[in-house]
């Protein structure tokens, strides 16, 4: 995920993922593997926001933001 978001650093990504989880938009599942594996996914609440986020993204692309 970090490689696919231009301009984000690890610290900011972790902060945003924790915030999303705290607000009920995402979930985090940690697996006891070596190396550690973590899986993130959107909750039902988070999936309901996808059309809005997509719309804002397309708007920003149209106006070069």
Protein backbone atom coordinates (compact mmCIF):
# COMPACT_ATOMS: atom_id res chain seq x y z
CA UNK A 1 0.00 0.00 0.00
CA UNK A 2 2.78 2.42 0.91
CA UNK A 3 4.39 2.06 -2.50
CA UNK A 4 1.11 2.81 -4.28
CA UNK A 5 0.44 6.14 -2.49
CA UNK A 6 2.75 8.82 -3.80
CA UNK A 7 4.24 11.11 -1.16
CA UNK A 8 3.17 9.16 1.96
CA UNK A 9 5.65 7.98 4.56
CA UNK A 10 5.34 4.99 6.88
CA UNK A 11 4.50 7.09 9.94
CA UNK A 12 1.62 8.89 8.23
CA UNK A 13 0.25 5.66 6.73
CA UNK A 14 0.23 3.94 10.14
CA UNK A 15 -1.47 6.97 11.72
CA UNK A 16 -4.20 7.04 9.06
CA UNK A 17 -4.83 3.28 9.25
CA UNK A 18 -5.19 3.49 13.05
CA UNK A 19 -7.59 6.41 12.68
CA UNK A 20 -9.69 4.51 10.13
CA UNK A 21 -9.84 1.51 12.45
CA UNK A 22 -10.74 3.68 15.46
CA UNK A 23 -13.63 5.25 13.51
CA UNK A 24 -14.92 1.88 12.29
CA UNK A 25 -13.92 2.25 8.62
CA UNK A 26 -11.36 -0.55 8.56
CA UNK A 27 -10.14 -3.66 10.33
CA UNK A 28 -6.67 -5.02 11.00
CA UNK A 29 -5.85 -8.70 11.40
CA UNK A 30 -2.33 -9.67 12.52
CA UNK A 31 -1.10 -13.21 11.87
CA UNK A 32 1.57 -14.88 13.99
CA UNK A 33 3.94 -15.66 11.12
CA UNK A 34 7.62 -15.02 10.48
CA UNK A 35 7.92 -12.37 9.17
CA UNK A 36 4.73 -10.91 10.70
CA UNK A 37 1.81 -10.64 8.29
CA UNK A 38 -0.94 -8.05 8.66
CA UNK A 39 -4.13 -7.84 6.63
CA UNK A 40 -6.23 -4.69 6.34
CA UNK A 41 -9.75 -4.48 4.98
CA UNK A 42 -12.66 -2.08 4.84
CA UNK A 43 -15.68 -2.63 7.04
CA UNK A 44 -19.22 -2.27 5.70
CA UNK A 45 -19.11 1.35 6.88
CA UNK A 46 -15.83 1.91 5.01
CA UNK A 47 -17.15 0.33 1.82
CA UNK A 48 -20.11 2.73 1.84
CA UNK A 49 -17.61 5.62 1.50
CA UNK A 50 -15.93 4.20 -1.61
CA UNK A 51 -18.19 5.94 -4.18
CA UNK A 52 -17.64 9.27 -2.43
CA UNK A 53 -13.87 8.85 -2.27
CA UNK A 54 -13.79 7.75 -5.92
CA UNK A 55 -15.81 10.78 -6.92
CA UNK A 56 -13.47 13.19 -5.08
CA UNK A 57 -10.47 11.42 -6.62
CA UNK A 58 -11.83 11.81 -10.16
CA UNK A 59 -12.67 15.45 -9.49
CA UNK A 60 -9.12 16.10 -8.25
CA UNK A 61 -7.64 14.43 -11.33
CA UNK A 62 -9.79 16.58 -13.61
CA UNK A 63 -8.54 19.79 -11.97
CA UNK A 64 -4.92 18.59 -11.38
CA UNK A 65 -4.96 18.55 -7.58
